[in-house]
Amino acid sequence: MSNSEKEPRPEEKERKLQEQTLREQPQHATVSCEVCLKEIPKSLAHVEEAEDYVLYFCGLDCFDKWEHQNNTNNRQHNTP
């Protein structure tokens, strides 16, 4: 099998799938920020992938607030 016939690496497949998905989305698609609920263009949203779903944030400030709250909740649940 030549180099041109090799199967792409999984991360390359994932990147190509994400690019294709972005191209197929309407330009006006919006999502809500997980923290402040502000409607933002999906193309500009900061994304955090959770175990079973994707969270969107309007910016790093909201992401930091969510992360701090999430870490605090996890510590409270793990304390005997």
Foldseek 3Di string as FASTA:
>chain_A
DDPVPDDDDPVVVVVVVVVVVVVPDDQQDWAAAPAPGDTDGPVQWDWDDDDPGIGTHNDVVRVVVVVVVVVVVVVVVPDD
